[in-house]
Structure formats: C-alpha cells, structure tokens
C-alpha atoms as a PDB file:
ATOM      1  CA  MET A   1      -3.585 -49.219  42.341  1.00  0.00           C
ATOM      2  CA  LYS A   2      -6.024 -46.440  43.047  1.00  0.00           C
ATOM      3  CA  LYS A   3      -3.224 -43.856  42.873  1.00  0.00           C
ATOM      4  CA  ILE A   4      -2.070 -45.232  39.513  1.00  0.00           C
ATOM      5  CA  SER A   5      -5.610 -44.992  38.134  1.00  0.00           C
ATOM      6  CA  ILE A   6      -5.927 -41.385  39.296  1.00  0.00           C
ATOM      7  CA  LEU A   7      -2.575 -40.469  37.722  1.00  0.00           C
ATOM      8  CA  LEU A   8      -3.541 -42.208  34.481  1.00  0.00           C
ATOM      9  CA  LEU A   9      -6.875 -40.403  34.398  1.00  0.00           C
ATOM     10  CA  THR A  10      -5.170 -37.055  35.071  1.00  0.00           C
ATOM     11  CA  PHE A  11      -2.701 -37.710  32.253  1.00  0.00           C
ATOM     12  CA  MET A  12      -5.510 -38.567  29.838  1.00  0.00           C
ATOM     13  CA  ILE A  13      -7.443 -35.409  30.748  1.00  0.00           C
ATOM     14  CA  LEU A  14      -4.366 -33.220  30.269  1.00  0.00           C
ATOM     15  CA  ALA A  15      -3.580 -34.890  26.937  1.00  0.00           C
ATOM     16  CA  PHE A  16      -7.148 -34.303  25.790  1.00  0.00           C
ATOM     17  CA  VAL A  17      -7.138 -30.633  26.875  1.00  0.00           C
ATOM     18  CA  PHE A  18      -3.823 -29.801  25.254  1.00  0.00           C
ATOM     19  CA  GLY A  19      -4.605 -31.853  22.184  1.00  0.00           C
ATOM     20  CA  CYS A  20      -7.868 -30.031  21.631  1.00  0.00           C
ATOM     21  CA  ALA A  21      -6.580 -26.567  22.530  1.00  0.00           C
ATOM     22  CA  PRO A  22      -6.689 -24.211  19.557  1.00  0.00           C
ATOM     23  CA  LYS A  23      -3.375 -23.822  17.801  1.00  0.00           C
ATOM     24  CA  GLU A  24      -1.754 -20.435  18.301  1.00  0.00           C
ATOM     25  CA  LYS A  25      -2.075 -18.357  15.150  1.00  0.00           C
ATOM     26  CA  GLU A  26       0.935 -17.348  13.083  1.00  0.00           C
ATOM     27  CA  LYS A  27       1.222 -13.551  13.233  1.00  0.00           C
ATOM     28  CA  ILE A  28       2.271 -11.734  10.059  1.00  0.00           C
ATOM     29  CA  ASN A  29       3.190  -8.053  10.121  1.00  0.00           C
ATOM     30  CA  ILE A  30       2.797  -6.185   6.836  1.00  0.00           C
ATOM     31  CA  SER A  31       3.948  -2.706   5.809  1.00  0.00           C
ATOM     32  CA  CYS A  32       1.940  -1.493   2.819  1.00  0.00           C
ATOM     33  CA  ALA A  33       1.691   1.655   0.712  1.00  0.00           C
ATOM     34  CA  VAL A  34      -1.258   3.677   2.012  1.00  0.00           C
ATOM     35  CA  SER A  35      -2.694   3.997  -1.501  1.00  0.00           C
ATOM     36  CA  MET A  36      -3.496   0.275  -1.303  1.00  0.00           C
ATOM     37  CA  GLN A  37      -5.191   0.402   2.093  1.00  0.00           C
ATOM     38  CA  ASP A  38      -8.820  -0.149   1.065  1.00  0.00           C
ATOM     39  CA  ALA A  39      -8.004  -3.023  -1.278  1.00  0.00           C
ATOM     40  CA  MET A  40      -5.452  -4.571   1.087  1.00  0.00           C
ATOM     41  CA  ASP A  41      -7.848  -4.583   4.045  1.00  0.00           C
ATOM     42  CA  GLU A  42     -10.273  -6.635   1.969  1.00  0.00           C
ATOM     43  CA  ILE A  43      -7.521  -8.912   0.672  1.00  0.00           C
ATOM     44  CA  ILE A  44      -6.306  -9.590   4.214  1.00  0.00           C
ATOM     45  CA  THR A  45      -9.842 -10.563   5.235  1.00  0.00           C
ATOM     46  CA  ALA A  46     -10.098 -12.918   2.258  1.00  0.00           C
ATOM     47  CA  PHE A  47      -6.701 -14.455   3.069  1.00  0.00           C
ATOM     48  CA  THR A  48      -7.479 -15.081   6.752  1.00  0.00           C
ATOM     49  CA  ASP A  49     -10.846 -16.588   5.778  1.00  0.00           C
ATOM     50  CA  GLU A  50      -8.926 -19.198   3.776  1.00  0.00           C
ATOM     51  CA  ASP A  51      -5.916 -19.523   6.071  1.00  0.00           C
ATOM     52  CA  THR A  52      -7.491 -19.592   9.511  1.00  0.00           C
ATOM     53  CA  ASN A  53      -4.088 -20.160  11.112  1.00  0.00           C
ATOM     54  CA  ALA A  54      -2.905 -16.689  10.056  1.00  0.00           C
ATOM     55  CA  ASP A  55      -3.257 -13.447  11.990  1.00  0.00           C
ATOM     56  CA  VAL A  56      -2.335 -10.529   9.737  1.00  0.00           C
ATOM     57  CA  THR A  57      -1.629  -7.017  10.972  1.00  0.00           C
ATOM     58  CA  ALA A  58      -1.093  -4.257   8.410  1.00  0.00           C
ATOM     59  CA  LYS A  59       0.514  -0.871   8.851  1.00  0.00           C
ATOM     60  CA  TYR A  60       0.005   1.755   6.140  1.00  0.00           C
ATOM     61  CA  ALA A  61       2.279   4.667   5.244  1.00  0.00           C
ATOM     62  CA  SER A  62       3.881   6.338   2.246  1.00  0.00           C
ATOM     63  CA  SER A  63       6.231   4.076   0.308  1.00  0.00           C
ATOM     64  CA  GLY A  64       9.167   6.295   1.272  1.00  0.00           C
ATOM     65  CA  ASP A  65       8.400   5.941   4.975  1.00  0.00           C
ATOM     66  CA  ILE A  66       7.972   2.174   4.627  1.00  0.00           C
ATOM     67  CA  ILE A  67      11.397   1.842   2.992  1.00  0.00           C
ATOM     68  CA  LYS A  68      13.036   3.910   5.744  1.00  0.00           C
ATOM     69  CA  GLN A  69      11.365   1.833   8.461  1.00  0.00           C
ATOM     70  CA  ILE A  70      12.596  -1.425   6.949  1.00  0.00           C
ATOM     71  CA  GLU A  71      16.104   0.028   6.551  1.00  0.00           C
ATOM     72  CA  GLN A  72      16.055   0.886  10.262  1.00  0.00           C
ATOM     73  CA  GLY A  73      15.188  -2.693  11.178  1.00  0.00           C
ATOM     74  CA  ASP A  74      11.429  -2.431  11.710  1.00  0.00           C
ATOM     75  CA  PRO A  75      10.393  -6.038  12.471  1.00  0.00           C
ATOM     76  CA  LYS A  76       8.056  -6.772   9.558  1.00  0.00           C
ATOM     77  CA  ASP A  77       7.443  -9.897   7.514  1.00  0.00           C
ATOM     78  CA  VAL A  78       6.120  -8.489   4.227  1.00  0.00           C
ATOM     79  CA  LEU A  79       6.277  -5.097   2.560  1.00  0.00           C
ATOM     80  CA  ILE A  80       4.316  -3.779  -0.400  1.00  0.00           C
ATOM     81  CA  SER A  81       5.415  -0.476  -1.890  1.00  0.00           C
ATOM     82  CA  ALA A  82       4.859   1.647  -4.976  1.00  0.00           C
ATOM     83  CA  GLY A  83       7.771   1.879  -7.373  1.00  0.00           C
ATOM     84  CA  ARG A  84      10.838  -0.289  -7.915  1.00  0.00           C
ATOM     85  CA  LYS A  85      13.325   2.272  -6.586  1.00  0.00           C
ATOM     86  CA  GLY A  86      12.668   1.532  -2.915  1.00  0.00           C
ATOM     87  CA  MET A  87      12.830  -2.226  -3.462  1.00  0.00           C
ATOM     88  CA  ASP A  88      16.181  -1.860  -5.222  1.00  0.00           C
ATOM     89  CA  THR A  89      17.490   0.179  -2.295  1.00  0.00           C
ATOM     90  CA  LEU A  90      16.452  -2.495   0.210  1.00  0.00           C
ATOM     91  CA  LYS A  91      17.845  -5.243  -2.019  1.00  0.00           C
ATOM     92  CA  LYS A  92      21.263  -3.567  -2.153  1.00  0.00           C
ATOM     93  CA  LYS A  93      21.286  -3.218   1.625  1.00  0.00           C
ATOM     94  CA  GLY A  94      20.318  -6.852   2.120  1.00  0.00           C
ATOM     95  CA  CYS A  95      17.079  -6.018   3.929  1.00  0.00           C
ATOM     96  CA  ILE A  96      14.769  -8.193   1.833  1.00  0.00           C
ATOM     97  CA  ASP A  97      14.761 -11.604   0.224  1.00  0.00           C
ATOM     98  CA  GLU A  98      15.679 -10.762  -3.370  1.00  0.00           C
ATOM     99  CA  GLU A  99      14.008 -13.863  -4.803  1.00  0.00           C
ATOM    100  CA  SER A 100      10.696 -12.918  -3.172  1.00  0.00           C
ATOM    101  CA  ILE A 101      10.330  -9.586  -5.018  1.00  0.00           C
ATOM    102  CA  SER A 102       7.184  -9.724  -7.133  1.00  0.00           C
ATOM    103  CA  GLU A 103       5.104  -7.275  -9.159  1.00  0.00           C
ATOM    104  CA  VAL A 104       1.639  -7.065  -7.611  1.00  0.00           C
ATOM    105  CA  ALA A 105      -0.411  -4.456  -9.500  1.00  0.00           C
ATOM    106  CA  GLY A 106      -0.313  -1.148 -11.341  1.00  0.00           C
ATOM    107  CA  ASN A 107      -1.936   2.254 -11.017  1.00  0.00           C
ATOM    108  CA  ARG A 108      -2.416   5.545 -12.850  1.00  0.00           C
ATOM    109  CA  LEU A 109      -1.921   9.163 -11.930  1.00  0.00           C
ATOM    110  CA  VAL A 110      -4.896  11.538 -12.107  1.00  0.00           C
ATOM    111  CA  LEU A 111      -5.714  15.164 -11.406  1.00  0.00           C
ATOM    112  CA  ILE A 112      -8.694  15.668  -9.105  1.00  0.00           C
ATOM    113  CA  VAL A 113     -10.910  18.597  -8.121  1.00  0.00           C
ATOM    114  CA  GLY A 114     -13.896  18.941  -5.811  1.00  0.00           C
ATOM    115  CA  LYS A 115     -17.239  17.643  -7.096  1.00  0.00           C
ATOM    116  CA  ARG A 116     -18.546  21.145  -7.816  1.00  0.00           C
ATOM    117  CA  ARG A 117     -15.311  22.600  -9.169  1.00  0.00           C
ATOM    118  CA  GLU A 118     -14.578  23.328 -12.820  1.00  0.00           C
ATOM    119  CA  MET A 119     -12.509  20.781 -14.705  1.00  0.00           C
ATOM    120  CA  VAL A 120      -8.800  21.515 -15.226  1.00  0.00           C
ATOM    121  CA  ASN A 121      -5.979  19.574 -16.872  1.00  0.00           C
ATOM    122  CA  PHE A 122      -2.327  18.795 -16.281  1.00  0.00           C
ATOM    123  CA  GLU A 123      -1.014  20.872 -19.164  1.00  0.00           C
ATOM    124  CA  GLU A 124      -2.857  24.116 -18.476  1.00  0.00           C
ATOM    125  CA  LEU A 125      -3.578  24.544 -14.797  1.00  0.00           C
ATOM    126  CA  PRO A 126      -5.019  28.085 -14.517  1.00  0.00           C
ATOM    127  CA  LYS A 127      -2.847  30.757 -12.892  1.00  0.00           C
ATOM    128  CA  ASP A 128      -5.638  31.537 -10.436  1.00  0.00           C
ATOM    129  CA  ILE A 129      -5.275  28.096  -8.874  1.00  0.00           C
ATOM    130  CA  ARG A 130      -3.247  29.044  -5.855  1.00  0.00           C
ATOM    131  CA  TYR A 131      -2.780  25.595  -4.381  1.00  0.00           C
ATOM    132  CA  THR A 132      -2.373  22.241  -6.056  1.00  0.00           C
ATOM    133  CA  ALA A 133      -1.728  19.368  -3.665  1.00  0.00           C
ATOM    134  CA  ILE A 134       0.734  16.567  -4.342  1.00  0.00           C
ATOM    135  CA  GLY A 135       2.593  14.119  -2.135  1.00  0.00           C
ATOM    136  CA  ASP A 136       6.008  15.266  -0.974  1.00  0.00           C
ATOM    137  CA  PRO A 137       8.304  14.187  -3.851  1.00  0.00           C
ATOM    138  CA  GLU A 138      11.072  13.410  -1.363  1.00  0.00           C
ATOM    139  CA  SER A 139       9.145  10.693   0.452  1.00  0.00           C
ATOM    140  CA  VAL A 140       5.890   9.932  -1.395  1.00  0.00           C
ATOM    141  CA  ALA A 141       5.984   7.890  -4.595  1.00  0.00           C
ATOM    142  CA  ALA A 142       2.844   9.591  -5.955  1.00  0.00           C
ATOM    143  CA  GLY A 143       4.470  12.973  -5.352  1.00  0.00           C
ATOM    144  CA  ARG A 144       7.584  11.897  -7.212  1.00  0.00           C
ATOM    145  CA  TYR A 145       5.438  10.772 -10.139  1.00  0.00           C
ATOM    146  CA  ALA A 146       3.504  14.078 -10.048  1.00  0.00           C
ATOM    147  CA  LYS A 147       6.718  16.098 -10.176  1.00  0.00           C
ATOM    148  CA  GLU A 148       7.868  13.952 -13.103  1.00  0.00           C
ATOM    149  CA  VAL A 149       4.634  14.671 -15.003  1.00  0.00           C
ATOM    150  CA  PHE A 150       4.788  18.442 -14.499  1.00  0.00           C
ATOM    151  CA  THR A 151       8.513  18.481 -15.355  1.00  0.00           C
ATOM    152  CA  ASN A 152       7.996  16.553 -18.590  1.00  0.00           C
ATOM    153  CA  LEU A 153       5.056  18.798 -19.508  1.00  0.00           C
ATOM    154  CA  GLY A 154       7.275  21.830 -18.943  1.00  0.00           C
ATOM    155  CA  ASN A 155       5.297  23.529 -16.165  1.00  0.00           C
ATOM    156  CA  TRP A 156       6.997  22.351 -12.945  1.00  0.00           C
ATOM    157  CA  ASP A 157       8.942  25.591 -12.439  1.00  0.00           C
ATOM    158  CA  ASP A 158       5.721  27.567 -12.737  1.00  0.00           C
ATOM    159  CA  MET A 159       3.764  25.160 -10.526  1.00  0.00           C
ATOM    160  CA  LYS A 160       6.176  24.444  -7.660  1.00  0.00           C
ATOM    161  CA  GLU A 161       5.563  27.756  -5.922  1.00  0.00           C
ATOM    162  CA  ARG A 162       1.845  27.000  -5.864  1.00  0.00           C
ATOM    163  CA  MET A 163       2.151  23.489  -4.510  1.00  0.00           C
ATOM    164  CA  VAL A 164       1.125  22.183  -1.108  1.00  0.00           C
ATOM    165  CA  TYR A 165       2.716  18.892  -0.077  1.00  0.00           C
ATOM    166  CA  GLY A 166       0.998  16.010   1.712  1.00  0.00           C
ATOM    167  CA  LYS A 167       2.672  13.300   3.787  1.00  0.00           C
ATOM    168  CA  ASP A 168       0.904  10.687   1.629  1.00  0.00           C
ATOM    169  CA  VAL A 169      -1.810  10.440  -1.036  1.00  0.00           C
ATOM    170  CA  LYS A 170      -4.572  10.126   1.555  1.00  0.00           C
ATOM    171  CA  GLN A 171      -3.671  13.561   2.903  1.00  0.00           C
ATOM    172  CA  VAL A 172      -3.586  14.996  -0.623  1.00  0.00           C
ATOM    173  CA  LEU A 173      -7.070  13.594  -1.199  1.00  0.00           C
ATOM    174  CA  LYS A 174      -8.261  15.183   2.041  1.00  0.00           C
ATOM    175  CA  TYR A 175      -6.841  18.588   1.027  1.00  0.00           C
ATOM    176  CA  VAL A 176      -9.002  18.548  -2.103  1.00  0.00           C
ATOM    177  CA  GLU A 177     -12.040  17.117  -0.316  1.00  0.00           C
ATOM    178  CA  ASP A 178     -12.095  19.884   2.301  1.00  0.00           C
ATOM    179  CA  GLY A 179     -11.173  22.660  -0.135  1.00  0.00           C
ATOM    180  CA  SER A 180      -7.699  23.362   1.273  1.00  0.00           C
ATOM    181  CA  ALA A 181      -6.371  22.784  -2.251  1.00  0.00           C
ATOM    182  CA  ARG A 182      -8.083  23.661  -5.510  1.00  0.00           C
ATOM    183  CA  ALA A 183      -6.728  20.556  -7.251  1.00  0.00           C
ATOM    184  CA  GLY A 184      -4.607  17.553  -6.389  1.00  0.00           C
ATOM    185  CA  VAL A 185      -2.641  14.734  -7.947  1.00  0.00           C
ATOM    186  CA  VAL A 186      -3.385  11.248  -6.639  1.00  0.00           C
ATOM    187  CA  TYR A 187      -3.632   7.700  -7.865  1.00  0.00           C
ATOM    188  CA  LYS A 188      -6.713   6.713  -9.813  1.00  0.00           C
ATOM    189  CA  THR A 189      -7.606   4.256  -7.053  1.00  0.00           C
ATOM    190  CA  ASP A 190      -7.691   7.026  -4.423  1.00  0.00           C
ATOM    191  CA  ALA A 191     -10.035   9.136  -6.530  1.00  0.00           C
ATOM    192  CA  MET A 192     -12.377   6.187  -7.002  1.00  0.00           C
ATOM    193  CA  VAL A 193     -13.054   5.702  -3.287  1.00  0.00           C
ATOM    194  CA  SER A 194     -14.059   9.316  -2.609  1.00  0.00           C
ATOM    195  CA  ASP A 195     -17.512  10.754  -3.294  1.00  0.00           C
ATOM    196  CA  LYS A 196     -16.250  14.308  -2.702  1.00  0.00           C
ATOM    197  CA  VAL A 197     -13.912  14.610  -5.681  1.00  0.00           C
ATOM    198  CA  LYS A 198     -13.952  13.899  -9.395  1.00  0.00           C
ATOM    199  CA  ILE A 199     -11.228  13.008 -11.868  1.00  0.00           C
ATOM    200  CA  SER A 200     -10.476  16.105 -13.913  1.00  0.00           C
ATOM    201  CA  ASP A 201      -7.654  14.724 -16.063  1.00  0.00           C
ATOM    202  CA  VAL A 202      -5.503  11.627 -16.490  1.00  0.00           C
ATOM    203  CA  ALA A 203      -1.745  12.138 -16.758  1.00  0.00           C
ATOM    204  CA  PRO A 204      -0.351  11.260 -20.208  1.00  0.00           C
ATOM    205  CA  GLY A 205       1.107   7.771 -20.048  1.00  0.00           C
ATOM    206  CA  ASP A 206       4.420   8.870 -21.548  1.00  0.00           C
ATOM    207  CA  SER A 207       4.925  11.699 -19.039  1.00  0.00           C
ATOM    208  CA  TYR A 208       5.936   9.524 -16.092  1.00  0.00           C
ATOM    209  CA  GLU A 209       7.390   6.158 -15.186  1.00  0.00           C
ATOM    210  CA  LYS A 210       4.853   3.338 -15.147  1.00  0.00           C
ATOM    211  CA  ILE A 211       3.386   2.960 -11.652  1.00  0.00           C
ATOM    212  CA  LEU A 212       3.866  -0.536 -10.288  1.00  0.00           C
ATOM    213  CA  TYR A 213       3.543  -2.028  -6.822  1.00  0.00           C
ATOM    214  CA  PHE A 214       5.930  -4.708  -5.589  1.00  0.00           C
ATOM    215  CA  SER A 215       5.824  -7.100  -2.664  1.00  0.00           C
ATOM    216  CA  ALA A 216       8.768  -8.733  -0.894  1.00  0.00           C
ATOM    217  CA  ILE A 217       9.537 -10.756   2.209  1.00  0.00           C
ATOM    218  CA  VAL A 218      11.707  -9.026   4.785  1.00  0.00           C
ATOM    219  CA  LYS A 219      14.915 -10.835   5.705  1.00  0.00           C
ATOM    220  CA  GLY A 220      14.802 -12.105   9.245  1.00  0.00           C
ATOM    221  CA  SER A 221      11.046 -12.690   9.123  1.00  0.00           C
ATOM    222  CA  GLU A 222      10.094 -15.126  11.879  1.00  0.00           C
ATOM    223  CA  GLU A 223       7.005 -16.233   9.974  1.00  0.00           C
ATOM    224  CA  LYS A 224       8.518 -16.863   6.579  1.00  0.00           C
ATOM    225  CA  LYS A 225       6.181 -19.738   5.676  1.00  0.00           C
ATOM    226  CA  GLU A 226       3.049 -17.673   6.309  1.00  0.00           C
ATOM    227  CA  ALA A 227       4.672 -14.637   4.675  1.00  0.00           C
ATOM    228  CA  GLN A 228       5.253 -16.723   1.546  1.00  0.00           C
ATOM    229  CA  ALA A 229       1.650 -17.930   1.671  1.00  0.00           C
ATOM    230  CA  PHE A 230       0.399 -14.350   1.850  1.00  0.00           C
ATOM    231  CA  THR A 231       2.550 -13.028  -1.012  1.00  0.00           C
ATOM    232  CA  LYS A 232       1.423 -16.016  -3.098  1.00  0.00           C
ATOM    233  CA  PHE A 233      -2.205 -15.183  -2.278  1.00  0.00           C
ATOM    234  CA  LEU A 234      -1.690 -11.684  -3.723  1.00  0.00           C
ATOM    235  CA  HIS A 235      -1.593 -13.367  -7.146  1.00  0.00           C
ATOM    236  CA  SER A 236      -4.664 -15.534  -6.600  1.00  0.00           C
ATOM    237  CA  SER A 237      -7.853 -14.976  -8.594  1.00  0.00           C
ATOM    238  CA  LYS A 238      -9.590 -13.797  -5.414  1.00  0.00           C
ATOM    239  CA  ALA A 239      -6.982 -11.123  -4.685  1.00  0.00           C
ATOM    240  CA  ARG A 240      -6.840 -10.064  -8.339  1.00  0.00           C
ATOM    241  CA  SER A 241     -10.591  -9.509  -8.415  1.00  0.00           C
ATOM    242  CA  ILE A 242     -10.304  -7.276  -5.338  1.00  0.00           C
ATOM    243  CA  PHE A 243      -7.471  -5.270  -6.877  1.00  0.00           C
ATOM    244  CA  GLU A 244      -9.559  -4.833 -10.023  1.00  0.00           C
ATOM    245  CA  LYS A 245     -12.592  -3.791  -7.966  1.00  0.00           C
ATOM    246  CA  TYR A 246     -10.601  -0.897  -6.504  1.00  0.00           C
ATOM    247  CA  GLY A 247      -9.261   0.236  -9.885  1.00  0.00           C
ATOM    248  CA  PHE A 248      -5.768  -1.221  -9.940  1.00  0.00           C
ATOM    249  CA  ASP A 249      -4.254  -2.275 -13.244  1.00  0.00           C
ATOM    250  CA  LEU A 250      -3.366  -5.962 -13.502  1.00  0.00           C
END
C-alpha cells in the first residue's frame, strides 16, 4: 500500500511539473529586404508582445539575395522583398505559397547628399560629381529602380561610368555618410533614419516602376500557422502605424 501511495504521489508530481512547464515557442525564420530593417525590428517586437508563443528571427539582405537564397532552399518561413519580379520568379519555381502573396507597403526613391553638401537633382547631376552611389542593379531592387530613373531621364549612359555600386541600400547610405560618394540613390525610408544625410531630390514618380514590398510564406515552412499569423499581423493597425512612422507608403 505504501509503495502504491509513493508511485501515485510521484505520478502526480510529474504531471504537475510537465503540465506547468512553459510551452516551447514556435520559431519563425524571416528573410526581409534590408531597407525594411528598422521598421521590421519594431514590428517583430510588437508581434511577439501579442503572440507570446512566437519566437521570430529575422535575416536582412538585398531583395535579390533573398530571392536567390529561397531558390536554393534556404529554410525560411516568411519572406518580404521589394518588387514583384522576385516574387513572380519564386512563384513560377514553386518556392512559395502563391495564395499567401500580399502587398505590404510602398516606398519612394530619393537622391541624398551629405548634410553639408550642396543640393543636386536627378536630372542635372553636375559633371564634377565623380561618384554617385546606387545599389548594384543586378541584385539590389533599389539599384534597379535607380538605373530605371536615370535611363528614363536620359542620363544613364553619362552617369554609369561615375557610379559606385553597393551590395544593398544600407551600404549606399554609408558611402554618402562617410563621404566615399558625393551623392547616392536610396529609398526615402533609408534617408529618414540617418542624421548624416539630407534628401536632395525625389525621383519623378513616372520615371520608375512603383516601389512595393510583398510578403509570402515559403513552401515547406514547418511553422505555417505562426507564419500566417505573422503575415496577417503585417496588415494590423499596429504594424501599419510602425510602417508609417518609418516613412513607408500605405
């Protein structure tokens, strides 16, 4: 009888311990365009404050690099990239859940210079400006947009020999901040978070394709339910207010 009581007590203790043990968090891995990093970090914090069962890890890179990584089977749950082209590529290759593709926010392209530099504009960049920084058009969405602007304004051929290419918009911003480049083309949101540069000109709206960011759930995601919850949260009033705070168009 004594042995039975001890076994029963042991069982009750174990049941209590395991019943009260904290539930293991659902881990979500996100690949996001680096131009959204500041806003996304805050959005992730807001999401995990509401969904305490979620553990979100974000990796930031140029949209081109993100697309390549997903194509190569990088085990992610959600991706957020600039431009529809990359999403269409992944959709055709069956790498993402087509029904999950959603427009998240918009942005604008601006020309920046250092705080103490003279203002310049897209149409008439002075010949004495030796270096203008843009993202590499082959892999950086912002660089592709910049090339499109200069091409449509008729000065790409003149400008391309005086360009310096960055691996992403953050590097372009840094080139202008430290004086390595006289001017640079970045997203409006990047210019807004730096106190070392100023917006010198805004690219004409009809000179480039509208800049939009899209989110999607990666096929094969092991945390699809939480991934869906996160992409839904991107459209919540809380997330929208954060996007707006950082200068994104809604």
